[in-house]
Amino acid sequence: KKRFFSRRDYEPQFQYRPLKIDPYEFKERLYRLPVSHLT
């Protein structure tokens, strides 16, 4: 925000928290859940 207001043509370069989950393993485990056992 400070950089943007010091130079209005600046495109902010945002940073983000790293993901602590393996997305491929997550989806595999997700779709192995036994939903078909519900009546």
All heavy atoms as atom14 arrays in JSON, in Angstrom:
{
  "sequence": "KKRFFSRRDYEPQFQYRPLKIDPYEFKERLYRLPVSHLT",
  "atom14_mask": [
    [1, 1, 1, 1, 1, 1, 1, 1, 1, 0, 0, 0, 0, 0],
    [1, 1, 1, 1, 1, 1, 1, 1, 1, 0, 0, 0, 0, 0],
    [1, 1, 1, 1, 1, 1, 1, 1, 1, 1, 1, 0, 0, 0],
    [1, 1, 1, 1, 1, 1, 1, 1, 1, 1, 1, 0, 0, 0],
    [1, 1, 1, 1, 1, 1, 1, 1, 1, 1, 1, 0, 0, 0],
    [1, 1, 1, 1, 1, 1, 0, 0, 0, 0, 0, 0, 0, 0],
    [1, 1, 1, 1, 1, 1, 1, 1, 1, 1, 1, 0, 0, 0],
    [1, 1, 1, 1, 1, 1, 1, 1, 1, 1, 1, 0, 0, 0],
    [1, 1, 1, 1, 1, 1, 1, 1, 0, 0, 0, 0, 0, 0],
    [1, 1, 1, 1, 1, 1, 1, 1, 1, 1, 1, 1, 0, 0],
    [1, 1, 1, 1, 1, 1, 1, 1, 1, 0, 0, 0, 0, 0],
    [1, 1, 1, 1, 1, 1, 1, 0, 0, 0, 0, 0, 0, 0],
    [1, 1, 1, 1, 1, 1, 1, 1, 1, 0, 0, 0, 0, 0],
    [1, 1, 1, 1, 1, 1, 1, 1, 1, 1, 1, 0, 0, 0],
    [1, 1, 1, 1, 1, 1, 1, 1, 1, 0, 0, 0, 0, 0],
    [1, 1, 1, 1, 1, 1, 1, 1, 1, 1, 1, 1, 0, 0],
    [1, 1, 1, 1, 1, 1, 1, 1, 1, 1, 1, 0, 0, 0],
    [1, 1, 1, 1, 1, 1, 1, 0, 0, 0, 0, 0, 0, 0],
    [1, 1, 1, 1, 1, 1, 1, 1, 0, 0, 0, 0, 0, 0],
    [1, 1, 1, 1, 1, 1, 1, 1, 1, 0, 0, 0, 0, 0],
    [1, 1, 1, 1, 1, 1, 1, 1, 0, 0, 0, 0, 0, 0],
    [1, 1, 1, 1, 1, 1, 1, 1, 0, 0, 0, 0, 0, 0],
    [1, 1, 1, 1, 1, 1, 1, 0, 0, 0, 0, 0, 0, 0],
    [1, 1, 1, 1, 1, 1, 1, 1, 1, 1, 1, 1, 0, 0],
    [1, 1, 1, 1, 1, 1, 1, 1, 1, 0, 0, 0, 0, 0],
    [1, 1, 1, 1, 1, 1, 1, 1, 1, 1, 1, 0, 0, 0],
    [1, 1, 1, 1, 1, 1, 1, 1, 1, 0, 0, 0, 0, 0],
    [1, 1, 1, 1, 1, 1, 1, 1, 1, 0, 0, 0, 0, 0],
    [1, 1, 1, 1, 1, 1, 1, 1, 1, 1, 1, 0, 0, 0],
    [1, 1, 1, 1, 1, 1, 1, 1, 0, 0, 0, 0, 0, 0],
    [1, 1, 1, 1, 1, 1, 1, 1, 1, 1, 1, 1, 0, 0],
    [1, 1, 1, 1, 1, 1, 1, 1, 1, 1, 1, 0, 0, 0],
    [1, 1, 1, 1, 1, 1, 1, 1, 0, 0, 0, 0, 0, 0],
    [1, 1, 1, 1, 1, 1, 1, 0, 0, 0, 0, 0, 0, 0],
    [1, 1, 1, 1, 1, 1, 1, 0, 0, 0, 0, 0, 0, 0],
    [1, 1, 1, 1, 1, 1, 0, 0, 0, 0, 0, 0, 0, 0],
    [1, 1, 1, 1, 1, 1, 1, 1, 1, 1, 0, 0, 0, 0],
    [1, 1, 1, 1, 1, 1, 1, 1, 0, 0, 0, 0, 0, 0],
    [1, 1, 1, 1, 1, 1, 1, 0, 0, 0, 0, 0, 0, 0]
  ],
  "atom14_positions": [
    [[0.84, -1.2, 0.0], [0.0, 0.0, 0.0], [0.87, 1.25, 0.0], [0.62, 2.21, -0.75], [-0.93, -0.02, 1.21], [-1.92, 1.14, 1.26], [-2.86, 1.0, 2.45], [-3.87, 2.15, 2.48], [-4.8, 2.03, 3.64], [0.0, 0.0, 0.0], [0.0, 0.0, 0.0], [0.0, 0.0, 0.0], [0.0, 0.0, 0.0], [0.0, 0.0, 0.0]],
    [[1.92, 1.26, 0.83], [2.85, 2.4, 0.86], [3.52, 2.6, -0.5], [3.64, 3.71, -1.01], [3.92, 2.18, 1.93], [3.42, 2.34, 3.36], [4.55, 2.12, 4.34], [4.05, 2.24, 5.78], [5.14, 1.97, 6.76], [0.0, 0.0, 0.0], [0.0, 0.0, 0.0], [0.0, 0.0, 0.0], [0.0, 0.0, 0.0], [0.0, 0.0, 0.0]],
    [[3.98, 1.52, -1.11], [4.64, 1.62, -2.42], [3.68, 2.13, -3.49], [4.05, 2.92, -4.34], [5.18, 0.24, -2.82], [6.4, -0.2, -2.0], [6.82, -1.61, -2.34], [7.95, -2.01, -1.51], [8.36, -3.26, -1.36], [7.71, -4.24, -1.99], [9.39, -3.55, -0.59], [0.0, 0.0, 0.0], [0.0, 0.0, 0.0], [0.0, 0.0, 0.0]],
    [[2.44, 1.65, -3.43], [1.46, 2.08, -4.43], [1.2, 3.58, -4.33], [1.17, 4.28, -5.34], [0.15, 1.29, -4.25], [-0.93, 1.69, -5.21], [-0.92, 1.23, -6.51], [-1.96, 2.54, -4.82], [-1.91, 1.6, -7.41], [-2.95, 2.92, -5.7], [-2.93, 2.44, -7.0], [0.0, 0.0, 0.0], [0.0, 0.0, 0.0], [0.0, 0.0, 0.0]],
    [[1.02, 4.07, -3.12], [0.71, 5.49, -2.97], [1.92, 6.39, -3.16], [1.78, 7.6, -3.37], [0.05, 5.75, -1.61], [-1.4, 5.34, -1.58], [-1.83, 4.32, -0.73], [-2.32, 5.94, -2.41], [-3.16, 3.92, -0.71], [-3.66, 5.55, -2.4], [-4.08, 4.55, -1.55], [0.0, 0.0, 0.0], [0.0, 0.0, 0.0], [0.0, 0.0, 0.0]],
    [[3.11, 5.81, -3.13], [4.3, 6.62, -3.44], [4.52, 6.7, -4.95], [5.19, 7.62, -5.43], [5.53, 6.0, -2.77], [5.83, 4.73, -3.33], [0.0, 0.0, 0.0], [0.0, 0.0, 0.0], [0.0, 0.0, 0.0], [0.0, 0.0, 0.0], [0.0, 0.0, 0.0], [0.0, 0.0, 0.0], [0.0, 0.0, 0.0], [0.0, 0.0, 0.0]],
    [[3.92, 5.74, -5.69], [4.07, 5.76, -7.16], [2.85, 5.09, -7.76], [2.75, 3.87, -7.8], [5.36, 5.02, -7.54], [5.68, 5.04, -9.03], [7.14, 4.69, -9.29], [7.51, 3.38, -8.78], [7.41, 2.25, -9.49], [6.92, 2.28, -10.71], [7.78, 1.11, -8.96], [0.0, 0.0, 0.0], [0.0, 0.0, 0.0], [0.0, 0.0, 0.0]],
    [[1.89, 5.9, -8.23], [0.57, 5.39, -8.6], [0.57, 4.42, -9.79], [-0.4, 3.72, -10.01], [-0.38, 6.55, -8.89], [-0.82, 7.32, -7.66], [-1.63, 6.43, -6.72], [-2.06, 7.15, -5.53], [-3.18, 7.84, -5.43], [-3.99, 7.91, -6.46], [-3.49, 8.47, -4.31], [0.0, 0.0, 0.0], [0.0, 0.0, 0.0], [0.0, 0.0, 0.0]],
    [[1.62, 4.39, -10.57], [1.64, 3.44, -11.68], [2.2, 2.08, -11.26], [2.36, 1.18, -12.07], [2.45, 3.99, -12.85], [3.92, 4.24, -12.48], [4.23, 4.25, -11.27], [4.74, 4.42, -13.39], [0.0, 0.0, 0.0], [0.0, 0.0, 0.0], [0.0, 0.0, 0.0], [0.0, 0.0, 0.0], [0.0, 0.0, 0.0], [0.0, 0.0, 0.0]],
    [[2.47, 1.94, -9.97], [3.05, 0.71, -9.44], [1.98, -0.38, -9.34], [0.87, -0.13, -8.87], [3.66, 0.97, -8.05], [4.19, -0.25, -7.34], [5.34, -0.89, -7.79], [3.52, -0.76, -6.22], [5.83, -2.0, -7.13], [4.01, -1.87, -5.56], [5.16, -2.5, -6.02], [5.64, -3.6, -5.35], [0.0, 0.0, 0.0], [0.0, 0.0, 0.0]],
    [[2.3, -1.57, -9.79], [1.41, -2.71, -9.67], [1.83, -3.51, -8.43], [2.93, -4.07, -8.39], [1.49, -3.61, -10.9], [0.84, -3.02, -12.14], [-0.68, -3.06, -12.08], [-1.25, -4.09, -11.69], [-1.3, -2.03, -12.42], [0.0, 0.0, 0.0], [0.0, 0.0, 0.0], [0.0, 0.0, 0.0], [0.0, 0.0, 0.0], [0.0, 0.0, 0.0]],
    [[1.0, -3.56, -7.39], [1.39, -4.25, -6.15], [1.81, -5.7, -6.4], [1.2, -6.41, -7.21], [0.12, -4.19, -5.31], [-0.61, -2.99, -5.81], [-0.33, -2.94, -7.28], [0.0, 0.0, 0.0], [0.0, 0.0, 0.0], [0.0, 0.0, 0.0], [0.0, 0.0, 0.0], [0.0, 0.0, 0.0], [0.0, 0.0, 0.0], [0.0, 0.0, 0.0]],
    [[2.85, -6.09, -5.72], [3.36, -7.46, -5.8], [3.06, -8.15, -4.47], [3.87, -8.13, -3.54], [4.87, -7.45, -6.08], [5.27, -6.69, -7.33], [4.67, -7.32, -8.58], [4.81, -8.53, -8.79], [4.03, -6.52, -9.42], [0.0, 0.0, 0.0], [0.0, 0.0, 0.0], [0.0, 0.0, 0.0], [0.0, 0.0, 0.0], [0.0, 0.0, 0.0]],
    [[1.9, -8.74, -4.39], [1.47, -9.32, -3.13], [2.14, -10.68, -2.9], [2.43, -11.42, -3.83], [-0.05, -9.48, -3.11], [-0.8, -8.18, -3.12], [-1.74, -7.89, -4.1], [-0.57, -7.23, -2.13], [-2.43, -6.7, -4.1], [-1.27, -6.03, -2.11], [-2.19, -5.76, -3.1], [0.0, 0.0, 0.0], [0.0, 0.0, 0.0], [0.0, 0.0, 0.0]],
    [[2.34, -10.97, -1.62], [2.91, -12.25, -1.21], [1.88, -13.01, -0.37], [1.04, -12.39, 0.3], [4.2, -12.03, -0.41], [5.31, -11.38, -1.23], [6.51, -11.03, -0.36], [6.54, -11.32, 0.84], [7.51, -10.4, -0.97], [0.0, 0.0, 0.0], [0.0, 0.0, 0.0], [0.0, 0.0, 0.0], [0.0, 0.0, 0.0], [0.0, 0.0, 0.0]],
    [[2.0, -14.34, -0.38], [0.98, -15.17, 0.26], [1.61, -16.27, 1.09], [2.77, -16.65, 0.88], [0.05, -15.78, -0.81], [-0.53, -14.74, -1.73], [0.07, -14.45, -2.96], [-1.66, -14.02, -1.36], [-0.46, -13.47, -3.79], [-2.19, -13.05, -2.19], [-1.58, -12.77, -3.4], [-2.09, -11.8, -4.22], [0.0, 0.0, 0.0], [0.0, 0.0, 0.0]],
    [[0.83, -16.78, 2.02], [1.29, -17.89, 2.86], [1.46, -19.15, 2.01], [0.63, -19.44, 1.15], [0.3, -18.17, 3.99], [0.17, -17.06, 5.0], [-0.92, -17.4, 6.02], [-1.05, -16.35, 7.02], [-1.81, -15.26, 6.88], [-2.5, -15.09, 5.75], [-1.87, -14.35, 7.82], [0.0, 0.0, 0.0], [0.0, 0.0, 0.0], [0.0, 0.0, 0.0]],
    [[2.5, -19.92, 2.29], [2.65, -21.18, 1.54], [1.61, -22.2, 1.98], [1.21, -22.26, 3.14], [4.07, -21.64, 1.92], [4.34, -20.99, 3.25], [3.6, -19.69, 3.22], [0.0, 0.0, 0.0], [0.0, 0.0, 0.0], [0.0, 0.0, 0.0], [0.0, 0.0, 0.0], [0.0, 0.0, 0.0], [0.0, 0.0, 0.0], [0.0, 0.0, 0.0]],
    [[1.17, -23.02, 1.04], [0.19, -24.06, 1.32], [0.86, -25.22, 2.04], [1.92, -25.7, 1.62], [-0.44, -24.56, 0.0], [-1.57, -25.57, 0.1], [-2.77, -24.96, 0.81], [-1.97, -26.04, -1.3], [0.0, 0.0, 0.0], [0.0, 0.0, 0.0], [0.0, 0.0, 0.0], [0.0, 0.0, 0.0], [0.0, 0.0, 0.0], [0.0, 0.0, 0.0]],
    [[0.27, -25.65, 3.14], [0.86, -26.72, 3.96], [0.26, -28.08, 3.65], [0.39, -29.01, 4.45], [0.68, -26.39, 5.44], [1.38, -25.11, 5.88], [1.14, -24.84, 7.35], [1.83, -23.55, 7.79], [1.59, -23.25, 9.23], [0.0, 0.0, 0.0], [0.0, 0.0, 0.0], [0.0, 0.0, 0.0], [0.0, 0.0, 0.0], [0.0, 0.0, 0.0]],
    [[-0.41, -28.19, 2.52], [-1.1, -29.43, 2.16], [-0.63, -29.88, 0.78], [-0.45, -29.06, -0.12], [-2.63, -29.21, 2.13], [-3.13, -28.8, 3.52], [-3.37, -30.45, 1.65], [-4.58, -28.36, 3.54], [0.0, 0.0, 0.0], [0.0, 0.0, 0.0], [0.0, 0.0, 0.0], [0.0, 0.0, 0.0], [0.0, 0.0, 0.0], [0.0, 0.0, 0.0]],
    [[-0.4, -31.17, 0.62], [-0.13, -31.73, -0.71], [-1.47, -31.85, -1.43], [-2.3, -32.69, -1.06], [0.53, -33.1, -0.57], [0.87, -33.72, -1.93], [0.19, -33.41, -2.92], [1.8, -34.53, -1.98], [0.0, 0.0, 0.0], [0.0, 0.0, 0.0], [0.0, 0.0, 0.0], [0.0, 0.0, 0.0], [0.0, 0.0, 0.0], [0.0, 0.0, 0.0]],
    [[-1.72, -31.02, -2.46], [-3.06, -31.0, -3.08], [-3.45, -32.32, -3.74], [-4.62, -32.69, -3.77], [-2.96, -29.88, -4.11], [-1.5, -29.71, -4.36], [-0.81, -30.06, -3.08], [0.0, 0.0, 0.0], [0.0, 0.0, 0.0], [0.0, 0.0, 0.0], [0.0, 0.0, 0.0], [0.0, 0.0, 0.0], [0.0, 0.0, 0.0], [0.0, 0.0, 0.0]],
    [[-2.47, -33.06, -4.26], [-2.78, -34.31, -4.94], [-3.18, -35.39, -3.94], [-4.15, -36.12, -4.13], [-1.58, -34.75, -5.78], [-1.15, -33.68, -6.76], [-0.02, -32.91, -6.52], [-1.91, -33.41, -7.89], [0.36, -31.9, -7.39], [-1.54, -32.4, -8.77], [-0.41, -31.65, -8.51], [-0.05, -30.65, -9.37], [0.0, 0.0, 0.0], [0.0, 0.0, 0.0]],
    [[-2.41, -35.46, -2.85], [-2.76, -36.41, -1.8], [-4.11, -36.05, -1.17], [-4.92, -36.92, -0.84], [-1.67, -36.42, -0.73], [-1.95, -37.42, 0.39], [-0.95, -37.32, 1.53], [0.05, -36.58, 1.39], [-1.19, -37.97, 2.57], [0.0, 0.0, 0.0], [0.0, 0.0, 0.0], [0.0, 0.0, 0.0], [0.0, 0.0, 0.0], [0.0, 0.0, 0.0]],
    [[-4.35, -34.73, -1.02], [-5.61, -34.26, -0.43], [-6.79, -34.75, -1.26], [-7.76, -35.3, -0.73], [-5.61, -32.73, -0.37], [-6.89, -32.14, 0.16], [-7.09, -32.0, 1.53], [-7.89, -31.72, -0.7], [-8.27, -31.46, 2.02], [-9.08, -31.18, -0.22], [-9.26, -31.05, 1.15], [0.0, 0.0, 0.0], [0.0, 0.0, 0.0], [0.0, 0.0, 0.0]],
    [[-6.72, -34.58, -2.58], [-7.84, -34.99, -3.44], [-8.01, -36.51, -3.45], [-9.13, -37.02, -3.49], [-7.64, -34.45, -4.86], [-8.0, -32.98, -4.99], [-8.25, -32.56, -6.41], [-6.96, -32.46, -7.18], [-7.18, -31.9, -8.54], [0.0, 0.0, 0.0], [0.0, 0.0, 0.0], [0.0, 0.0, 0.0], [0.0, 0.0, 0.0], [0.0, 0.0, 0.0]],
    [[-6.89, -37.24, -3.43], [-6.98, -38.7, -3.39], [-7.71, -39.16, -2.13], [-8.6, -40.02, -2.18], [-5.58, -39.32, -3.43], [-4.92, -39.25, -4.8], [-3.52, -39.83, -4.78], [-3.1, -40.32, -3.7], [-2.84, -39.8, -5.81], [0.0, 0.0, 0.0], [0.0, 0.0, 0.0], [0.0, 0.0, 0.0], [0.0, 0.0, 0.0], [0.0, 0.0, 0.0]],
    [[-7.33, -38.58, -1.0], [-7.96, -38.95, 0.27], [-9.42, -38.51, 0.3], [-10.29, -39.2, 0.84], [-7.19, -38.34, 1.44], [-5.8, -38.91, 1.63], [-5.04, -38.17, 2.72], [-5.68, -38.31, 4.01], [-5.35, -37.6, 5.08], [-4.39, -36.68, 5.01], [-5.98, -37.79, 6.23], [0.0, 0.0, 0.0], [0.0, 0.0, 0.0], [0.0, 0.0, 0.0]],
    [[-9.69, -37.36, -0.31], [-11.05, -36.82, -0.34], [-11.99, -37.78, -1.06], [-13.09, -38.1, -0.57], [-11.01, -35.46, -1.05], [-12.18, -34.5, -0.88], [-12.34, -34.1, 0.58], [-11.95, -33.25, -1.73], [0.0, 0.0, 0.0], [0.0, 0.0, 0.0], [0.0, 0.0, 0.0], [0.0, 0.0, 0.0], [0.0, 0.0, 0.0], [0.0, 0.0, 0.0]],
    [[-11.56, -38.26, -2.22], [-12.44, -39.11, -3.02], [-12.43, -40.57, -2.58], [-13.19, -41.38, -3.12], [-12.08, -38.99, -4.5], [-12.65, -37.72, -5.11], [-11.81, -36.73, -5.63], [-14.02, -37.51, -5.15], [-12.34, -35.57, -6.17], [-14.55, -36.35, -5.69], [-13.71, -35.39, -6.21], [-14.23, -34.23, -6.74], [0.0, 0.0, 0.0], [0.0, 0.0, 0.0]],
    [[-11.58, -40.89, -1.61], [-11.63, -42.24, -1.03], [-12.6, -42.33, 0.14], [-12.87, -43.42, 0.65], [-10.23, -42.68, -0.57], [-9.3, -43.13, -1.7], [-8.19, -44.03, -1.18], [-7.36, -43.37, -0.18], [-6.23, -42.73, -0.45], [-5.79, -42.66, -1.7], [-5.53, -42.16, 0.52], [0.0, 0.0, 0.0], [0.0, 0.0, 0.0], [0.0, 0.0, 0.0]],
    [[-13.14, -41.21, 0.57], [-14.08, -41.23, 1.68], [-15.32, -42.05, 1.3], [-15.86, -41.9, 0.2], [-14.49, -39.81, 2.06], [-13.37, -38.94, 2.67], [-13.83, -37.49, 2.81], [-12.94, -39.48, 4.03], [0.0, 0.0, 0.0], [0.0, 0.0, 0.0], [0.0, 0.0, 0.0], [0.0, 0.0, 0.0], [0.0, 0.0, 0.0], [0.0, 0.0, 0.0]],
    [[-15.8, -42.92, 2.19], [-16.84, -43.9, 1.83], [-18.26, -43.33, 1.84], [-19.12, -43.79, 2.6], [-16.66, -44.97, 2.91], [-16.15, -44.22, 4.1], [-15.29, -43.11, 3.56], [0.0, 0.0, 0.0], [0.0, 0.0, 0.0], [0.0, 0.0, 0.0], [0.0, 0.0, 0.0], [0.0, 0.0, 0.0], [0.0, 0.0, 0.0], [0.0, 0.0, 0.0]],
    [[-18.52, -42.37, 0.97], [-19.85, -41.76, 0.92], [-20.9, -42.77, 0.46], [-22.06, -42.71, 0.89], [-19.85, -40.54, -0.03], [-21.19, -39.83, 0.01], [-18.75, -39.57, 0.36], [0.0, 0.0, 0.0], [0.0, 0.0, 0.0], [0.0, 0.0, 0.0], [0.0, 0.0, 0.0], [0.0, 0.0, 0.0], [0.0, 0.0, 0.0], [0.0, 0.0, 0.0]],
    [[-20.51, -43.69, -0.37], [-21.47, -44.67, -0.9], [-22.05, -45.56, 0.19], [-23.08, -46.21, -0.02], [-20.81, -45.54, -1.98], [-19.71, -46.25, -1.43], [0.0, 0.0, 0.0], [0.0, 0.0, 0.0], [0.0, 0.0, 0.0], [0.0, 0.0, 0.0], [0.0, 0.0, 0.0], [0.0, 0.0, 0.0], [0.0, 0.0, 0.0], [0.0, 0.0, 0.0]],
    [[-21.42, -45.6, 1.36], [-21.93, -46.43, 2.46], [-23.14, -45.8, 3.15], [-23.81, -46.46, 3.94], [-20.82, -46.67, 3.5], [-19.68, -47.48, 2.97], [-18.52, -47.72, 3.69], [-19.5, -48.11, 1.78], [-17.7, -48.46, 2.97], [-18.27, -48.7, 1.81], [0.0, 0.0, 0.0], [0.0, 0.0, 0.0], [0.0, 0.0, 0.0], [0.0, 0.0, 0.0]],
    [[-23.4, -44.52, 2.88], [-24.53, -43.85, 3.51], [-25.83, -44.28, 2.83], [-25.87, -44.49, 1.61], [-24.37, -42.33, 3.41], [-23.09, -41.74, 4.02], [-23.05, -40.23, 3.81], [-22.98, -42.08, 5.5], [0.0, 0.0, 0.0], [0.0, 0.0, 0.0], [0.0, 0.0, 0.0], [0.0, 0.0, 0.0], [0.0, 0.0, 0.0], [0.0, 0.0, 0.0]],
    [[-26.9, -44.39, 3.6], [-28.18, -44.84, 3.04], [-29.15, -43.69, 2.81], [-29.96, -43.75, 1.89], [-28.85, -45.87, 3.97], [-28.99, -45.29, 5.28], [-28.0, -47.13, 4.07], [0.0, 0.0, 0.0], [0.0, 0.0, 0.0], [0.0, 0.0, 0.0], [0.0, 0.0, 0.0], [0.0, 0.0, 0.0], [0.0, 0.0, 0.0], [0.0, 0.0, 0.0]]
  ]
}
